[in-house]
């Protein structure tokens, strides 16, 4: 089996995760182990993207 690399920007990752979520809600899909790993990695990347967005909106004050 060949391994392929794909470059995705943040918006594309978010879109793919949304598609996966919708598909899992509307259809009873059962991903195999390798597919579940890809879903987990994409979800982790998407969470990092969301964390970066939120942390960019926060302002930290040094009150010491």
PDB file of N, CA and C in Angstrom:
ATOM      1  N   UNK A   1       0.841  -1.179   0.000  1.00  0.00           N
ATOM      2  CA  UNK A   1       0.000   0.000   0.000  1.00  0.00           C
ATOM      3  C   UNK A   1       0.886   1.243   0.000  1.00  0.00           C
ATOM      4  N   UNK A   2       0.532   2.197  -0.839  1.00  0.00           N
ATOM      5  CA  UNK A   2       1.291   3.433  -0.933  1.00  0.00           C
ATOM      6  C   UNK A   2       0.841   4.417   0.139  1.00  0.00           C
ATOM      7  N   UNK A   3       1.771   5.214   0.602  1.00  0.00           N
ATOM      8  CA  UNK A   3       1.447   6.329   1.490  1.00  0.00           C
ATOM      9  C   UNK A   3       1.455   7.601   0.662  1.00  0.00           C
ATOM     10  N   UNK A   4       0.479   8.444   0.881  1.00  0.00           N
ATOM     11  CA  UNK A   4       0.385   9.699   0.156  1.00  0.00           C
ATOM     12  C   UNK A   4       0.407  10.850   1.149  1.00  0.00           C
ATOM     13  N   UNK A   5       1.018  11.932   0.754  1.00  0.00           N
ATOM     14  CA  UNK A   5       1.026  13.125   1.576  1.00  0.00           C
ATOM     15  C   UNK A   5       0.185  14.184   0.891  1.00  0.00           C
ATOM     16  N   UNK A   6      -0.585  14.888   1.696  1.00  0.00           N
ATOM     17  CA  UNK A   6      -1.448  15.943   1.181  1.00  0.00           C
ATOM     18  C   UNK A   6      -1.219  17.176   2.041  1.00  0.00           C
ATOM     19  N   UNK A   7      -1.047  18.312   1.402  1.00  0.00           N
ATOM     20  CA  UNK A   7      -0.897  19.564   2.126  1.00  0.00           C
ATOM     21  C   UNK A   7      -2.262  20.237   2.192  1.00  0.00           C
ATOM     22  N   UNK A   8      -2.683  20.569   3.393  1.00  0.00           N
ATOM     23  CA  UNK A   8      -3.975  21.212   3.605  1.00  0.00           C
ATOM     24  C   UNK A   8      -3.775  22.488   4.407  1.00  0.00           C
ATOM     25  N   UNK A   9      -4.531  23.514   4.066  1.00  0.00           N
ATOM     26  CA  UNK A   9      -4.498  24.711   4.902  1.00  0.00           C
ATOM     27  C   UNK A   9      -5.540  24.559   6.007  1.00  0.00           C
ATOM     28  N   UNK A  10      -5.564  25.498   6.938  1.00  0.00           N
ATOM     29  CA  UNK A  10      -6.453  25.413   8.096  1.00  0.00           C
ATOM     30  C   UNK A  10      -7.918  25.290   7.685  1.00  0.00           C
ATOM     31  N   UNK A  11      -8.312  26.069   6.703  1.00  0.00           N
ATOM     32  CA  UNK A  11      -9.709  26.058   6.259  1.00  0.00           C
ATOM     33  C   UNK A  11     -10.087  24.688   5.686  1.00  0.00           C
ATOM     34  N   UNK A  12      -9.183  24.068   4.955  1.00  0.00           N
ATOM     35  CA  UNK A  12      -9.450  22.754   4.379  1.00  0.00           C
ATOM     36  C   UNK A  12      -9.565  21.682   5.464  1.00  0.00           C
ATOM     37  N   UNK A  13      -8.718  21.765   6.487  1.00  0.00           N
ATOM     38  CA  UNK A  13      -8.799  20.813   7.596  1.00  0.00           C
ATOM     39  C   UNK A  13     -10.145  20.959   8.303  1.00  0.00           C
ATOM     40  N   UNK A  14     -10.542  22.191   8.589  1.00  0.00           N
ATOM     41  CA  UNK A  14     -11.820  22.430   9.253  1.00  0.00           C
ATOM     42  C   UNK A  14     -12.975  21.869   8.416  1.00  0.00           C
ATOM     43  N   UNK A  15     -12.922  22.063   7.105  1.00  0.00           N
ATOM     44  CA  UNK A  15     -13.957  21.552   6.211  1.00  0.00           C
ATOM     45  C   UNK A  15     -14.017  20.022   6.265  1.00  0.00           C
ATOM     46  N   UNK A  16     -12.869  19.370   6.188  1.00  0.00           N
ATOM     47  CA  UNK A  16     -12.845  17.910   6.229  1.00  0.00           C
ATOM     48  C   UNK A  16     -13.392  17.365   7.542  1.00  0.00           C
ATOM     49  N   UNK A  17     -13.043  17.992   8.650  1.00  0.00           N
ATOM     50  CA  UNK A  17     -13.541  17.541   9.948  1.00  0.00           C
ATOM     51  C   UNK A  17     -15.053  17.722  10.023  1.00  0.00           C
ATOM     52  N   UNK A  18     -15.556  18.836   9.509  1.00  0.00           N
ATOM     53  CA  UNK A  18     -17.010  19.042   9.472  1.00  0.00           C
ATOM     54  C   UNK A  18     -17.692  17.971   8.628  1.00  0.00           C
ATOM     55  N   UNK A  19     -17.106  17.648   7.485  1.00  0.00           N
ATOM     56  CA  UNK A  19     -17.672  16.606   6.617  1.00  0.00           C
ATOM     57  C   UNK A  19     -17.692  15.255   7.326  1.00  0.00           C
ATOM     58  N   UNK A  20     -16.618  14.937   8.015  1.00  0.00           N
ATOM     59  CA  UNK A  20     -16.546  13.674   8.758  1.00  0.00           C
ATOM     60  C   UNK A  20     -17.619  13.655   9.839  1.00  0.00           C
ATOM     61  N   UNK A  21     -17.756  14.759  10.585  1.00  0.00           N
ATOM     62  CA  UNK A  21     -18.764  14.829  11.639  1.00  0.00           C
ATOM     63  C   UNK A  21     -20.168  14.633  11.082  1.00  0.00           C
ATOM     64  N   UNK A  22     -20.476  15.309   9.988  1.00  0.00           N
ATOM     65  CA  UNK A  22     -21.805  15.191   9.370  1.00  0.00           C
ATOM     66  C   UNK A  22     -22.046  13.762   8.901  1.00  0.00           C
ATOM     67  N   UNK A  23     -21.052  13.171   8.284  1.00  0.00           N
ATOM     68  CA  UNK A  23     -21.192  11.807   7.781  1.00  0.00           C
ATOM     69  C   UNK A  23     -21.413  10.820   8.919  1.00  0.00           C
ATOM     70  N   UNK A  24     -20.688  10.998  10.002  1.00  0.00           N
ATOM     71  CA  UNK A  24     -20.851  10.094  11.145  1.00  0.00           C
ATOM     72  C   UNK A  24     -22.222  10.251  11.781  1.00  0.00           C
ATOM     73  N   UNK A  25     -22.786  11.459  11.748  1.00  0.00           N
ATOM     74  CA  UNK A  25     -24.106  11.694  12.323  1.00  0.00           C
ATOM     75  C   UNK A  25     -25.224  11.155  11.437  1.00  0.00           C
ATOM     76  N   UNK A  26     -25.066  11.269  10.128  1.00  0.00           N
ATOM     77  CA  UNK A  26     -26.157  10.922   9.221  1.00  0.00           C
ATOM     78  C   UNK A  26     -26.090   9.498   8.687  1.00  0.00           C
ATOM     79  N   UNK A  27     -24.936   8.878   8.753  1.00  0.00           N
ATOM     80  CA  UNK A  27     -24.771   7.514   8.256  1.00  0.00           C
ATOM     81  C   UNK A  27     -24.054   6.696   9.309  1.00  0.00           C
ATOM     82  N   UNK A  28     -24.347   5.425   9.325  1.00  0.00           N
ATOM     83  CA  UNK A  28     -23.657   4.572  10.293  1.00  0.00           C
ATOM     84  C   UNK A  28     -22.393   4.014   9.637  1.00  0.00           C
ATOM     85  N   UNK A  29     -21.342   4.837   9.629  1.00  0.00           N
ATOM     86  CA  UNK A  29     -20.076   4.396   9.050  1.00  0.00           C
ATOM     87  C   UNK A  29     -19.218   3.790  10.146  1.00  0.00           C
ATOM     88  N   UNK A  30     -18.457   2.819   9.761  1.00  0.00           N
ATOM     89  CA  UNK A  30     -17.566   2.135  10.688  1.00  0.00           C
ATOM     90  C   UNK A  30     -16.157   2.182  10.114  1.00  0.00           C
ATOM     91  N   UNK A  31     -15.396   3.242  10.446  1.00  0.00           N
ATOM     92  CA  UNK A  31     -14.036   3.332   9.907  1.00  0.00           C
ATOM     93  C   UNK A  31     -13.152   2.216  10.447  1.00  0.00           C
ATOM     94  N   UNK A  32     -12.264   1.708   9.578  1.00  0.00           N
ATOM     95  CA  UNK A  32     -11.310   0.713  10.054  1.00  0.00           C
ATOM     96  C   UNK A  32     -10.212   1.427  10.848  1.00  0.00           C
ATOM     97  N   UNK A  33      -9.258   0.677  11.335  1.00  0.00           N
ATOM     98  CA  UNK A  33      -8.229   1.233  12.223  1.00  0.00           C
ATOM     99  C   UNK A  33      -7.441   2.368  11.559  1.00  0.00           C
ATOM    100  N   UNK A  34      -7.035   2.183  10.310  1.00  0.00           N
ATOM    101  CA  UNK A  34      -6.234   3.211   9.639  1.00  0.00           C
ATOM    102  C   UNK A  34      -7.079   4.456   9.352  1.00  0.00           C
ATOM    103  N   UNK A  35      -8.340   4.266   9.003  1.00  0.00           N
ATOM    104  CA  UNK A  35      -9.231   5.404   8.768  1.00  0.00           C
ATOM    105  C   UNK A  35      -9.504   6.163  10.065  1.00  0.00           C
ATOM    106  N   UNK A  36      -9.691   5.425  11.141  1.00  0.00           N
ATOM    107  CA  UNK A  36      -9.912   6.058  12.437  1.00  0.00           C
ATOM    108  C   UNK A  36      -8.694   6.880  12.855  1.00  0.00           C
ATOM    109  N   UNK A  37      -7.500   6.409  12.519  1.00  0.00           N
ATOM    110  CA  UNK A  37      -6.266   7.136  12.832  1.00  0.00           C
ATOM    111  C   UNK A  37      -6.217   8.457  12.068  1.00  0.00           C
ATOM    112  N   UNK A  38      -6.600   8.434  10.799  1.00  0.00           N
ATOM    113  CA  UNK A  38      -6.629   9.660   9.994  1.00  0.00           C
ATOM    114  C   UNK A  38      -7.637  10.640  10.577  1.00  0.00           C
ATOM    115  N   UNK A  39      -8.806  10.143  10.947  1.00  0.00           N
ATOM    116  CA  UNK A  39      -9.838  10.990  11.550  1.00  0.00           C
ATOM    117  C   UNK A  39      -9.323  11.605  12.848  1.00  0.00           C
ATOM    118  N   UNK A  40      -8.660  10.804  13.662  1.00  0.00           N
ATOM    119  CA  UNK A  40      -8.110  11.299  14.932  1.00  0.00           C
ATOM    120  C   UNK A  40      -7.062  12.385  14.686  1.00  0.00           C
ATOM    121  N   UNK A  41      -6.174  12.173  13.728  1.00  0.00           N
ATOM    122  CA  UNK A  41      -5.135  13.167  13.428  1.00  0.00           C
ATOM    123  C   UNK A  41      -5.752  14.465  12.912  1.00  0.00           C
ATOM    124  N   UNK A  42      -6.727  14.353  12.007  1.00  0.00           N
ATOM    125  CA  UNK A  42      -7.385  15.553  11.490  1.00  0.00           C
ATOM    126  C   UNK A  42      -8.111  16.303  12.603  1.00  0.00           C
ATOM    127  N   UNK A  43      -8.759  15.563  13.480  1.00  0.00           N
ATOM    128  CA  UNK A  43      -9.472  16.186  14.594  1.00  0.00           C
ATOM    129  C   UNK A  43      -8.501  16.907  15.518  1.00  0.00           C
ATOM    130  N   UNK A  44      -7.352  16.303  15.794  1.00  0.00           N
ATOM    131  CA  UNK A  44      -6.339  16.954  16.633  1.00  0.00           C
ATOM    132  C   UNK A  44      -5.805  18.224  15.977  1.00  0.00           C
ATOM    133  N   UNK A  45      -5.566  18.161  14.671  1.00  0.00           N
ATOM    134  CA  UNK A  45      -5.088  19.346  13.948  1.00  0.00           C
ATOM    135  C   UNK A  45      -6.140  20.443  14.003  1.00  0.00           C
ATOM    136  N   UNK A  46      -7.396  20.060  13.790  1.00  0.00           N
ATOM    137  CA  UNK A  46      -8.493  21.037  13.827  1.00  0.00           C
ATOM    138  C   UNK A  46      -8.615  21.667  15.212  1.00  0.00           C
ATOM    139  N   UNK A  47      -8.427  20.875  16.262  1.00  0.00           N
ATOM    140  CA  UNK A  47      -8.477  21.411  17.625  1.00  0.00           C
ATOM    141  C   UNK A  47      -7.328  22.398  17.852  1.00  0.00           C
ATOM    142  N   UNK A  48      -6.146  22.089  17.336  1.00  0.00           N
ATOM    143  CA  UNK A  48      -5.016  23.021  17.441  1.00  0.00           C
ATOM    144  C   UNK A  48      -5.324  24.334  16.720  1.00  0.00           C
ATOM    145  N   UNK A  49      -5.978  24.238  15.559  1.00  0.00           N
ATOM    146  CA  UNK A  49      -6.360  25.433  14.804  1.00  0.00           C
ATOM    147  C   UNK A  49      -7.323  26.281  15.630  1.00  0.00           C
ATOM    148  N   UNK A  50      -8.330  25.627  16.228  1.00  0.00           N
ATOM    149  CA  UNK A  50      -9.299  26.343  17.059  1.00  0.00           C
ATOM    150  C   UNK A  50      -8.627  26.975  18.272  1.00  0.00           C
ATOM    151  N   UNK A  51      -7.707  26.241  18.896  1.00  0.00           N
ATOM    152  CA  UNK A  51      -6.980  26.779  20.055  1.00  0.00           C
ATOM    153  C   UNK A  51      -6.176  28.009  19.667  1.00  0.00           C
ATOM    154  N   UNK A  52      -5.543  27.971  18.497  1.00  0.00           N
ATOM    155  CA  UNK A  52      -4.767  29.120  18.020  1.00  0.00           C
ATOM    156  C   UNK A  52      -5.669  30.325  17.778  1.00  0.00           C
ATOM    157  N   UNK A  53      -6.862  30.073  17.233  1.00  0.00           N
ATOM    158  CA  UNK A  53      -7.806  31.165  16.997  1.00  0.00           C
ATOM    159  C   UNK A  53      -8.222  31.808  18.315  1.00  0.00           C
ATOM    160  N   UNK A  54      -8.545  30.983  19.295  1.00  0.00           N
ATOM    161  CA  UNK A  54      -8.994  31.493  20.595  1.00  0.00           C
ATOM    162  C   UNK A  54      -7.860  32.214  21.307  1.00  0.00           C
ATOM    163  N   UNK A  55      -6.671  31.623  21.297  1.00  0.00           N
ATOM    164  CA  UNK A  55      -5.555  32.258  22.008  1.00  0.00           C
ATOM    165  C   UNK A  55      -5.156  33.558  21.328  1.00  0.00           C
ATOM    166  N   UNK A  56      -5.389  33.675  20.042  1.00  0.00           N
ATOM    167  CA  UNK A  56      -5.104  34.923  19.343  1.00  0.00           C
ATOM    168  C   UNK A  56      -6.047  36.030  19.736  1.00  0.00           C
ATOM    169  N   UNK A  57      -7.234  35.658  20.222  1.00  0.00           N
ATOM    170  CA  UNK A  57      -8.225  36.640  20.646  1.00  0.00           C
ATOM    171  C   UNK A  57      -8.046  37.068  22.095  1.00  0.00           C
ATOM    172  N   UNK A  58      -7.251  36.315  22.849  1.00  0.00           N
ATOM    173  CA  UNK A  58      -7.078  36.615  24.260  1.00  0.00           C
ATOM    174  C   UNK A  58      -5.958  37.628  24.462  1.00  0.00           C
ATOM    175  N   UNK A  59      -6.142  38.452  25.457  1.00  0.00           N
ATOM    176  CA  UNK A  59      -5.109  39.412  25.845  1.00  0.00           C
ATOM    177  C   UNK A  59      -4.669  39.053  27.250  1.00  0.00           C
ATOM    178  N   UNK A  60      -3.373  38.895  27.445  1.00  0.00           N
ATOM    179  CA  UNK A  60      -2.851  38.529  28.750  1.00  0.00           C
ATOM    180  C   UNK A  60      -2.230  39.756  29.416  1.00  0.00           C
ATOM    181  N   UNK A  61      -2.575  39.944  30.679  1.00  0.00           N
ATOM    182  CA  UNK A  61      -2.041  41.040  31.444  1.00  0.00           C
ATOM    183  C   UNK A  61      -1.175  40.482  32.564  1.00  0.00           C
ATOM    184  N   UNK A  62      -0.018  41.047  32.738  1.00  0.00           N
ATOM    185  CA  UNK A  62       0.842  40.674  33.846  1.00  0.00           C
ATOM    186  C   UNK A  62       0.468  41.549  35.025  1.00  0.00           C
ATOM    187  N   UNK A  63      -0.185  40.948  36.015  1.00  0.00           N
ATOM    188  CA  UNK A  63      -0.669  41.705  37.166  1.00  0.00           C
ATOM    189  C   UNK A  63       0.306  41.685  38.332  1.00  0.00           C
ATOM    190  N   UNK A  64       1.507  41.226  38.096  1.00  0.00           N
ATOM    191  CA  UNK A  64       2.504  41.190  39.184  1.00  0.00           C
ATOM    192  C   UNK A  64       3.219  42.489  39.312  1.00  0.00           C
TER     193      UNK A  64
END
